[in-house]
PDB file of all heavy atoms in Angstrom:
ATOM      1  N   LEU A   1      11.855 115.592 152.220  1.00  0.00           N
ATOM      2  CA  LEU A   1      12.557 114.319 152.340  1.00  0.00           C
ATOM      3  C   LEU A   1      11.588 113.152 152.156  1.00  0.00           C
ATOM      4  O   LEU A   1      11.888 112.189 151.437  1.00  0.00           O
ATOM      5  CB  LEU A   1      13.236 114.239 153.704  1.00  0.00           C
ATOM      6  CG  LEU A   1      13.978 112.938 154.015  1.00  0.00           C
ATOM      7  CD1 LEU A   1      15.135 112.732 153.052  1.00  0.00           C
ATOM      8  CD2 LEU A   1      14.473 112.929 155.466  1.00  0.00           C
ATOM      9  N   ARG A   2      10.432 113.243 152.790  1.00  0.00           N
ATOM     10  CA  ARG A   2       9.442 112.168 152.629  1.00  0.00           C
ATOM     11  C   ARG A   2       9.003 112.048 151.173  1.00  0.00           C
ATOM     12  O   ARG A   2       8.853 110.933 150.655  1.00  0.00           O
ATOM     13  CB  ARG A   2       8.238 112.437 153.533  1.00  0.00           C
ATOM     14  CG  ARG A   2       8.519 112.321 155.015  1.00  0.00           C
ATOM     15  CD  ARG A   2       7.245 112.446 155.836  1.00  0.00           C
ATOM     16  NE  ARG A   2       7.549 112.645 157.246  1.00  0.00           N
ATOM     17  CZ  ARG A   2       7.584 113.829 157.844  1.00  0.00           C
ATOM     18  NH1 ARG A   2       7.323 114.930 157.148  1.00  0.00           N
ATOM     19  NH2 ARG A   2       7.887 113.929 159.116  1.00  0.00           N
ATOM     20  N   ARG A   3       8.777 113.181 150.534  1.00  0.00           N
ATOM     21  CA  ARG A   3       8.360 113.135 149.127  1.00  0.00           C
ATOM     22  C   ARG A   3       9.454 112.533 148.241  1.00  0.00           C
ATOM     23  O   ARG A   3       9.166 111.921 147.201  1.00  0.00           O
ATOM     24  CB  ARG A   3       8.002 114.540 148.638  1.00  0.00           C
ATOM     25  CG  ARG A   3       6.727 115.106 149.251  1.00  0.00           C
ATOM     26  CD  ARG A   3       6.247 116.327 148.481  1.00  0.00           C
ATOM     27  NE  ARG A   3       7.212 117.421 148.534  1.00  0.00           N
ATOM     28  CZ  ARG A   3       7.246 118.363 149.473  1.00  0.00           C
ATOM     29  NH1 ARG A   3       6.363 118.332 150.472  1.00  0.00           N
ATOM     30  NH2 ARG A   3       8.150 119.331 149.440  1.00  0.00           N
ATOM     31  N   ALA A   4      10.699 112.715 148.657  1.00  0.00           N
ATOM     32  CA  ALA A   4      11.822 112.194 147.868  1.00  0.00           C
ATOM     33  C   ALA A   4      12.000 110.691 148.030  1.00  0.00           C
ATOM     34  O   ALA A   4      12.719 110.061 147.252  1.00  0.00           O
ATOM     35  CB  ALA A   4      13.111 112.915 148.258  1.00  0.00           C
ATOM     36  N   MET A   5      11.338 110.095 149.022  1.00  0.00           N
ATOM     37  CA  MET A   5      11.463 108.658 149.267  1.00  0.00           C
ATOM     38  C   MET A   5      10.531 107.882 148.339  1.00  0.00           C
ATOM     39  O   MET A   5       9.573 107.240 148.755  1.00  0.00           O
ATOM     40  CB  MET A   5      11.148 108.339 150.733  1.00  0.00           C
ATOM     41  CG  MET A   5      12.136 108.870 151.733  1.00  0.00           C
ATOM     42  SD  MET A   5      11.689 108.337 153.416  1.00  0.00           S
ATOM     43  CE  MET A   5      12.876 109.270 154.406  1.00  0.00           C
ATOM     44  N   THR A   6      10.836 107.929 147.058  1.00  0.00           N
ATOM     45  CA  THR A   6      10.032 107.257 146.035  1.00  0.00           C
ATOM     46  C   THR A   6      10.464 105.792 145.922  1.00  0.00           C
ATOM     47  O   THR A   6      11.502 105.397 146.481  1.00  0.00           O
ATOM     48  CB  THR A   6      10.202 107.972 144.697  1.00  0.00           C
ATOM     49  OG1 THR A   6      11.592 107.917 144.333  1.00  0.00           O
ATOM     50  CG2 THR A   6       9.757 109.428 144.791  1.00  0.00           C
ATOM     51  N   PRO A   7       9.709 104.990 145.209  1.00  0.00           N
ATOM     52  CA  PRO A   7      10.060 103.564 145.099  1.00  0.00           C
ATOM     53  C   PRO A   7      11.443 103.296 144.512  1.00  0.00           C
ATOM     54  O   PRO A   7      12.013 102.224 144.749  1.00  0.00           O
ATOM     55  CB  PRO A   7       8.954 103.012 144.191  1.00  0.00           C
ATOM     56  CG  PRO A   7       7.786 103.909 144.424  1.00  0.00           C
ATOM     57  CD  PRO A   7       8.383 105.278 144.615  1.00  0.00           C
ATOM     58  N   GLU A   8      11.986 104.257 143.760  1.00  0.00           N
ATOM     59  CA  GLU A   8      13.314 104.038 143.175  1.00  0.00           C
ATOM     60  C   GLU A   8      14.432 104.133 144.212  1.00  0.00           C
ATOM     61  O   GLU A   8      15.545 103.659 143.976  1.00  0.00           O
ATOM     62  CB  GLU A   8      13.587 105.072 142.074  1.00  0.00           C
ATOM     63  CG  GLU A   8      12.627 105.020 140.896  1.00  0.00           C
ATOM     64  CD  GLU A   8      11.324 105.746 141.189  1.00  0.00           C
ATOM     65  OE1 GLU A   8      11.301 106.592 142.124  1.00  0.00           O
ATOM     66  OE2 GLU A   8      10.326 105.473 140.500  1.00  0.00           O
ATOM     67  N   VAL A   9      14.155 104.754 145.357  1.00  0.00           N
ATOM     68  CA  VAL A   9      15.186 104.959 146.377  1.00  0.00           C
ATOM     69  C   VAL A   9      15.443 103.642 147.103  1.00  0.00           C
ATOM     70  O   VAL A   9      14.531 103.053 147.686  1.00  0.00           O
ATOM     71  CB  VAL A   9      14.780 106.058 147.376  1.00  0.00           C
ATOM     72  CG1 VAL A   9      15.825 106.174 148.478  1.00  0.00           C
ATOM     73  CG2 VAL A   9      14.597 107.392 146.653  1.00  0.00           C
ATOM     74  N   LYS A  10      16.679 103.203 147.070  1.00  0.00           N
ATOM     75  CA  LYS A  10      17.066 101.951 147.726  1.00  0.00           C
ATOM     76  C   LYS A  10      17.897 102.194 148.981  1.00  0.00           C
ATOM     77  O   LYS A  10      17.991 101.307 149.830  1.00  0.00           O
ATOM     78  CB  LYS A  10      17.866 101.069 146.762  1.00  0.00           C
ATOM     79  CG  LYS A  10      17.150 100.784 145.446  1.00  0.00           C
ATOM     80  CD  LYS A  10      15.793 100.134 145.672  1.00  0.00           C
ATOM     81  CE  LYS A  10      15.068  99.889 144.349  1.00  0.00           C
ATOM     82  NZ  LYS A  10      13.703  99.359 144.545  1.00  0.00           N
ATOM     83  N   LEU A  11      18.519 103.372 149.074  1.00  0.00           N
ATOM     84  CA  LEU A  11      19.388 103.661 150.210  1.00  0.00           C
ATOM     85  C   LEU A  11      19.296 105.137 150.560  1.00  0.00           C
ATOM     86  O   LEU A  11      19.258 105.987 149.670  1.00  0.00           O
ATOM     87  CB  LEU A  11      20.834 103.272 149.875  1.00  0.00           C
ATOM     88  CG  LEU A  11      21.880 103.432 150.978  1.00  0.00           C
ATOM     89  CD1 LEU A  11      22.892 102.289 150.917  1.00  0.00           C
ATOM     90  CD2 LEU A  11      22.608 104.768 150.867  1.00  0.00           C
ATOM     91  N   LEU A  12      19.269 105.429 151.848  1.00  0.00           N
ATOM     92  CA  LEU A  12      19.260 106.797 152.357  1.00  0.00           C
ATOM     93  C   LEU A  12      20.451 106.988 153.277  1.00  0.00           C
ATOM     94  O   LEU A  12      20.651 106.216 154.221  1.00  0.00           O
ATOM     95  CB  LEU A  12      17.962 107.076 153.120  1.00  0.00           C
ATOM     96  CG  LEU A  12      17.917 108.339 153.985  1.00  0.00           C
ATOM     97  CD1 LEU A  12      18.059 109.591 153.129  1.00  0.00           C
ATOM     98  CD2 LEU A  12      16.629 108.391 154.796  1.00  0.00           C
ATOM     99  N   ALA A  13      21.269 108.008 153.014  1.00  0.00           N
ATOM    100  CA  ALA A  13      22.436 108.324 153.828  1.00  0.00           C
ATOM    101  C   ALA A  13      22.232 109.670 154.498  1.00  0.00           C
ATOM    102  O   ALA A  13      21.970 110.667 153.818  1.00  0.00           O
ATOM    103  CB  ALA A  13      23.699 108.347 152.962  1.00  0.00           C
ATOM    104  N   VAL A  14      22.362 109.707 155.827  1.00  0.00           N
ATOM    105  CA  VAL A  14      22.077 110.937 156.556  1.00  0.00           C
ATOM    106  C   VAL A  14      22.963 111.035 157.802  1.00  0.00           C
ATOM    107  O   VAL A  14      23.275 110.027 158.433  1.00  0.00           O
ATOM    108  CB  VAL A  14      20.580 111.006 156.959  1.00  0.00           C
ATOM    109  CG1 VAL A  14      20.209 109.879 157.912  1.00  0.00           C
ATOM    110  CG2 VAL A  14      20.216 112.363 157.538  1.00  0.00           C
ATOM    111  N   ALA A  15      23.370 112.261 158.114  1.00  0.00           N
ATOM    112  CA  ALA A  15      24.144 112.504 159.326  1.00  0.00           C
ATOM    113  C   ALA A  15      23.226 112.587 160.531  1.00  0.00           C
ATOM    114  O   ALA A  15      22.146 113.169 160.457  1.00  0.00           O
ATOM    115  CB  ALA A  15      24.933 113.813 159.187  1.00  0.00           C
ATOM    116  N   HIS A  16      23.675 112.019 161.635  1.00  0.00           N
ATOM    117  CA  HIS A  16      22.944 112.193 162.896  1.00  0.00           C
ATOM    118  C   HIS A  16      23.074 113.638 163.356  1.00  0.00           C
ATOM    119  O   HIS A  16      22.096 114.269 163.743  1.00  0.00           O
ATOM    120  CB  HIS A  16      23.501 111.233 163.945  1.00  0.00           C
ATOM    121  CG  HIS A  16      22.629 111.066 165.142  1.00  0.00           C
ATOM    122  ND1 HIS A  16      22.740 110.001 166.015  1.00  0.00           N
ATOM    123  CD2 HIS A  16      21.623 111.833 165.649  1.00  0.00           C
ATOM    124  CE1 HIS A  16      21.838 110.124 166.974  1.00  0.00           C
ATOM    125  NE2 HIS A  16      21.173 111.227 166.772  1.00  0.00           N
ATOM    126  N   VAL A  17      24.303 114.171 163.291  1.00  0.00           N
ATOM    127  CA  VAL A  17      24.583 115.568 163.634  1.00  0.00           C
ATOM    128  C   VAL A  17      25.500 116.141 162.565  1.00  0.00           C
ATOM    129  O   VAL A  17      26.515 115.528 162.218  1.00  0.00           O
ATOM    130  CB  VAL A  17      25.249 115.687 165.020  1.00  0.00           C
ATOM    131  CG1 VAL A  17      25.662 117.131 165.304  1.00  0.00           C
ATOM    132  CG2 VAL A  17      24.322 115.179 166.122  1.00  0.00           C
ATOM    133  N   SER A  18      25.162 117.325 162.053  1.00  0.00           N
ATOM    134  CA  SER A  18      25.992 117.966 161.033  1.00  0.00           C
ATOM    135  C   SER A  18      27.288 118.477 161.626  1.00  0.00           C
ATOM    136  O   SER A  18      27.292 119.151 162.660  1.00  0.00           O
ATOM    137  CB  SER A  18      25.237 119.133 160.395  1.00  0.00           C
ATOM    138  OG  SER A  18      26.105 119.945 159.626  1.00  0.00           O
ATOM    139  N   ASN A  19      28.400 118.193 160.947  1.00  0.00           N
ATOM    140  CA  ASN A  19      29.701 118.655 161.434  1.00  0.00           C
ATOM    141  C   ASN A  19      29.920 120.144 161.177  1.00  0.00           C
ATOM    142  O   ASN A  19      30.853 120.732 161.729  1.00  0.00           O
ATOM    143  CB  ASN A  19      30.832 117.852 160.779  1.00  0.00           C
ATOM    144  CG  ASN A  19      31.029 118.188 159.316  1.00  0.00           C
ATOM    145  OD1 ASN A  19      30.077 118.168 158.531  1.00  0.00           O
ATOM    146  ND2 ASN A  19      32.256 118.502 158.935  1.00  0.00           N
ATOM    147  N   VAL A  20      29.086 120.766 160.364  1.00  0.00           N
ATOM    148  CA  VAL A  20      29.225 122.196 160.053  1.00  0.00           C
ATOM    149  C   VAL A  20      28.176 123.024 160.782  1.00  0.00           C
ATOM    150  O   VAL A  20      28.481 124.069 161.369  1.00  0.00           O
ATOM    151  CB  VAL A  20      29.113 122.439 158.531  1.00  0.00           C
ATOM    152  CG1 VAL A  20      29.200 123.935 158.215  1.00  0.00           C
ATOM    153  CG2 VAL A  20      30.186 121.675 157.784  1.00  0.00           C
ATOM    154  N   LEU A  21      26.943 122.567 160.770  1.00  0.00           N
ATOM    155  CA  LEU A  21      25.819 123.350 161.284  1.00  0.00           C
ATOM    156  C   LEU A  21      25.476 123.011 162.731  1.00  0.00           C
ATOM    157  O   LEU A  21      24.816 123.801 163.414  1.00  0.00           O
ATOM    158  CB  LEU A  21      24.580 123.113 160.411  1.00  0.00           C
ATOM    159  CG  LEU A  21      24.757 123.350 158.916  1.00  0.00           C
ATOM    160  CD1 LEU A  21      23.515 122.890 158.161  1.00  0.00           C
ATOM    161  CD2 LEU A  21      25.043 124.819 158.644  1.00  0.00           C
ATOM    162  N   GLY A  22      25.872 121.835 163.183  1.00  0.00           N
ATOM    163  CA  GLY A  22      25.456 121.375 164.501  1.00  0.00           C
ATOM    164  C   GLY A  22      24.027 120.867 164.536  1.00  0.00           C
ATOM    165  O   GLY A  22      23.527 120.479 165.597  1.00  0.00           O
ATOM    166  N   THR A  23      23.358 120.825 163.403  1.00  0.00           N
ATOM    167  CA  THR A  23      21.973 120.358 163.330  1.00  0.00           C
ATOM    168  C   THR A  23      21.876 118.917 163.799  1.00  0.00           C
ATOM    169  O   THR A  23      22.632 118.046 163.349  1.00  0.00           O
ATOM    170  CB  THR A  23      21.453 120.448 161.885  1.00  0.00           C
ATOM    171  OG1 THR A  23      21.550 121.795 161.432  1.00  0.00           O
ATOM    172  CG2 THR A  23      20.021 119.969 161.791  1.00  0.00           C
ATOM    173  N   VAL A  24      20.939 118.667 164.707  1.00  0.00           N
ATOM    174  CA  VAL A  24      20.669 117.303 165.166  1.00  0.00           C
ATOM    175  C   VAL A  24      19.457 116.795 164.391  1.00  0.00           C
ATOM    176  O   VAL A  24      18.340 117.276 164.579  1.00  0.00           O
ATOM    177  CB  VAL A  24      20.398 117.263 166.680  1.00  0.00           C
ATOM    178  CG1 VAL A  24      20.139 115.826 167.134  1.00  0.00           C
ATOM    179  CG2 VAL A  24      21.571 117.858 167.457  1.00  0.00           C
ATOM    180  N   ASN A  25      19.689 115.863 163.510  1.00  0.00           N
ATOM    181  CA  ASN A  25      18.607 115.356 162.679  1.00  0.00           C
ATOM    182  C   ASN A  25      17.755 114.331 163.435  1.00  0.00           C
ATOM    183  O   ASN A  25      18.292 113.539 164.219  1.00  0.00           O
ATOM    184  CB  ASN A  25      19.160 114.714 161.405  1.00  0.00           C
ATOM    185  CG  ASN A  25      19.664 115.734 160.417  1.00  0.00           C
ATOM    186  OD1 ASN A  25      19.018 116.757 160.188  1.00  0.00           O
ATOM    187  ND2 ASN A  25      20.825 115.485 159.828  1.00  0.00           N
ATOM    188  N   PRO A  26      16.446 114.327 163.200  1.00  0.00           N
ATOM    189  CA  PRO A  26      15.556 113.350 163.861  1.00  0.00           C
ATOM    190  C   PRO A  26      15.686 111.984 163.197  1.00  0.00           C
ATOM    191  O   PRO A  26      14.775 111.511 162.492  1.00  0.00           O
ATOM    192  CB  PRO A  26      14.168 113.965 163.655  1.00  0.00           C
ATOM    193  CG  PRO A  26      14.278 114.722 162.368  1.00  0.00           C
ATOM    194  CD  PRO A  26      15.692 115.257 162.336  1.00  0.00           C
ATOM    195  N   VAL A  27      16.829 111.342 163.423  1.00  0.00           N
ATOM    196  CA  VAL A  27      17.149 110.132 162.667  1.00  0.00           C
ATOM    197  C   VAL A  27      16.178 108.991 162.968  1.00  0.00           C
ATOM    198  O   VAL A  27      15.929 108.138 162.105  1.00  0.00           O
ATOM    199  CB  VAL A  27      18.609 109.692 162.917  1.00  0.00           C
ATOM    200  CG1 VAL A  27      19.574 110.663 162.253  1.00  0.00           C
ATOM    201  CG2 VAL A  27      18.920 109.573 164.398  1.00  0.00           C
ATOM    202  N   ARG A  28      15.635 108.960 164.162  1.00  0.00           N
ATOM    203  CA  ARG A  28      14.681 107.891 164.475  1.00  0.00           C
ATOM    204  C   ARG A  28      13.435 108.015 163.599  1.00  0.00           C
ATOM    205  O   ARG A  28      12.966 107.027 163.022  1.00  0.00           O
ATOM    206  CB  ARG A  28      14.306 107.944 165.958  1.00  0.00           C
ATOM    207  CG  ARG A  28      13.432 106.789 166.419  1.00  0.00           C
ATOM    208  CD  ARG A  28      13.272 106.794 167.926  1.00  0.00           C
ATOM    209  NE  ARG A  28      12.510 105.655 168.404  1.00  0.00           N
ATOM    210  CZ  ARG A  28      12.329 105.365 169.681  1.00  0.00           C
ATOM    211  NH1 ARG A  28      12.890 106.122 170.629  1.00  0.00           N
ATOM    212  NH2 ARG A  28      11.605 104.314 170.046  1.00  0.00           N
ATOM    213  N   GLU A  29      12.921 109.229 163.474  1.00  0.00           N
ATOM    214  CA  GLU A  29      11.756 109.463 162.619  1.00  0.00           C
ATOM    215  C   GLU A  29      12.086 109.208 161.158  1.00  0.00           C
ATOM    216  O   GLU A  29      11.303 108.596 160.417  1.00  0.00           O
ATOM    217  CB  GLU A  29      11.261 110.899 162.808  1.00  0.00           C
ATOM    218  CG  GLU A  29      10.120 111.295 161.901  1.00  0.00           C
ATOM    219  CD  GLU A  29       9.760 112.770 162.015  1.00  0.00           C
ATOM    220  OE1 GLU A  29      10.202 113.421 162.986  1.00  0.00           O
ATOM    221  OE2 GLU A  29       9.053 113.274 161.124  1.00  0.00           O
ATOM    222  N   ILE A  30      13.253 109.680 160.738  1.00  0.00           N
ATOM    223  CA  ILE A  30      13.660 109.506 159.339  1.00  0.00           C
ATOM    224  C   ILE A  30      13.794 108.021 159.000  1.00  0.00           C
ATOM    225  O   ILE A  30      13.322 107.554 157.952  1.00  0.00           O
ATOM    226  CB  ILE A  30      14.987 110.251 159.078  1.00  0.00           C
ATOM    227  CG1 ILE A  30      14.767 111.768 159.159  1.00  0.00           C
ATOM    228  CG2 ILE A  30      15.570 109.856 157.727  1.00  0.00           C
ATOM    229  CD1 ILE A  30      16.053 112.566 159.199  1.00  0.00           C
ATOM    230  N   CYS A  31      14.445 107.264 159.881  1.00  0.00           N
ATOM    231  CA  CYS A  31      14.643 105.843 159.608  1.00  0.00           C
ATOM    232  C   CYS A  31      13.315 105.082 159.642  1.00  0.00           C
ATOM    233  O   CYS A  31      13.135 104.112 158.886  1.00  0.00           O
ATOM    234  CB  CYS A  31      15.629 105.243 160.613  1.00  0.00           C
ATOM    235  SG  CYS A  31      17.323 105.838 160.398  1.00  0.00           S
ATOM    236  N   ARG A  32      12.391 105.512 160.491  1.00  0.00           N
ATOM    237  CA  ARG A  32      11.075 104.867 160.523  1.00  0.00           C
ATOM    238  C   ARG A  32      10.356 105.061 159.189  1.00  0.00           C
ATOM    239  O   ARG A  32       9.781 104.114 158.629  1.00  0.00           O
ATOM    240  CB  ARG A  32      10.241 105.437 161.671  1.00  0.00           C
ATOM    241  CG  ARG A  32       8.863 104.774 161.798  1.00  0.00           C
ATOM    242  CD  ARG A  32       8.093 105.269 163.002  1.00  0.00           C
ATOM    243  NE  ARG A  32       7.774 106.692 162.901  1.00  0.00           N
ATOM    244  CZ  ARG A  32       8.272 107.625 163.686  1.00  0.00           C
ATOM    245  NH1 ARG A  32       9.154 107.306 164.641  1.00  0.00           N
ATOM    246  NH2 ARG A  32       7.931 108.892 163.535  1.00  0.00           N
ATOM    247  N   GLU A  33      10.397 106.294 158.664  1.00  0.00           N
ATOM    248  CA  GLU A  33       9.763 106.560 157.384  1.00  0.00           C
ATOM    249  C   GLU A  33      10.425 105.762 156.259  1.00  0.00           C
ATOM    250  O   GLU A  33       9.755 105.255 155.356  1.00  0.00           O
ATOM    251  CB  GLU A  33       9.820 108.058 157.072  1.00  0.00           C
ATOM    252  CG  GLU A  33       8.993 108.924 157.999  1.00  0.00           C
ATOM    253  CD  GLU A  33       7.504 108.676 157.842  1.00  0.00           C
ATOM    254  OE1 GLU A  33       7.065 108.350 156.715  1.00  0.00           O
ATOM    255  OE2 GLU A  33       6.775 108.789 158.847  1.00  0.00           O
ATOM    256  N   ALA A  34      11.754 105.670 156.309  1.00  0.00           N
ATOM    257  CA  ALA A  34      12.468 104.919 155.277  1.00  0.00           C
ATOM    258  C   ALA A  34      12.145 103.425 155.364  1.00  0.00           C
ATOM    259  O   ALA A  34      11.938 102.761 154.336  1.00  0.00           O
ATOM    260  CB  ALA A  34      13.971 105.144 155.422  1.00  0.00           C
ATOM    261  N   ARG A  35      12.095 102.905 156.573  1.00  0.00           N
ATOM    262  CA  ARG A  35      11.825 101.479 156.760  1.00  0.00           C
ATOM    263  C   ARG A  35      10.450 101.106 156.217  1.00  0.00           C
ATOM    264  O   ARG A  35      10.269 100.020 155.629  1.00  0.00           O
ATOM    265  CB  ARG A  35      11.954 101.138 158.239  1.00  0.00           C
ATOM    266  CG  ARG A  35      11.949  99.657 158.548  1.00  0.00           C
ATOM    267  CD  ARG A  35      12.462  99.373 159.951  1.00  0.00           C
ATOM    268  NE  ARG A  35      11.674 100.067 160.962  1.00  0.00           N
ATOM    269  CZ  ARG A  35      12.114 101.100 161.696  1.00  0.00           C
ATOM    270  NH1 ARG A  35      13.339 101.567 161.502  1.00  0.00           N
ATOM    271  NH2 ARG A  35      11.338 101.667 162.607  1.00  0.00           N
ATOM    272  N   ARG A  36       9.478 101.992 156.402  1.00  0.00           N
ATOM    273  CA  ARG A  36       8.134 101.729 155.874  1.00  0.00           C
ATOM    274  C   ARG A  36       8.132 101.580 154.361  1.00  0.00           C
ATOM    275  O   ARG A  36       7.261 100.920 153.784  1.00  0.00           O
ATOM    276  CB  ARG A  36       7.188 102.881 156.256  1.00  0.00           C
ATOM    277  CG  ARG A  36       6.821 102.924 157.732  1.00  0.00           C
ATOM    278  CD  ARG A  36       6.044 104.185 158.043  1.00  0.00           C
ATOM    279  NE  ARG A  36       5.617 104.233 159.438  1.00  0.00           N
ATOM    280  CZ  ARG A  36       5.105 105.305 160.024  1.00  0.00           C
ATOM    281  NH1 ARG A  36       4.935 106.431 159.324  1.00  0.00           N
ATOM    282  NH2 ARG A  36       4.751 105.257 161.285  1.00  0.00           N
ATOM    283  N   ARG A  37       9.114 102.195 153.722  1.00  0.00           N
ATOM    284  CA  ARG A  37       9.197 102.174 152.259  1.00  0.00           C
ATOM    285  C   ARG A  37      10.234 101.182 151.750  1.00  0.00           C
ATOM    286  O   ARG A  37      10.526 101.140 150.564  1.00  0.00           O
ATOM    287  CB  ARG A  37       9.522 103.589 151.750  1.00  0.00           C
ATOM    288  CG  ARG A  37       8.425 104.609 152.040  1.00  0.00           C
ATOM    289  CD  ARG A  37       8.977 106.019 151.939  1.00  0.00           C
ATOM    290  NE  ARG A  37       7.939 107.034 152.035  1.00  0.00           N
ATOM    291  CZ  ARG A  37       7.411 107.470 153.183  1.00  0.00           C
ATOM    292  NH1 ARG A  37       7.827 106.948 154.340  1.00  0.00           N
ATOM    293  NH2 ARG A  37       6.477 108.410 153.183  1.00  0.00           N
TER     294      ARG A  37
END
């Protein structure tokens, strides 16, 4: 995901919790990385 955050990326869409898998994504970390870019 970090490698995919290239300069061309303007928007990132992500689920906090998956409705199928129940996966809880580390959205705070993800948004911090996105904000830096």
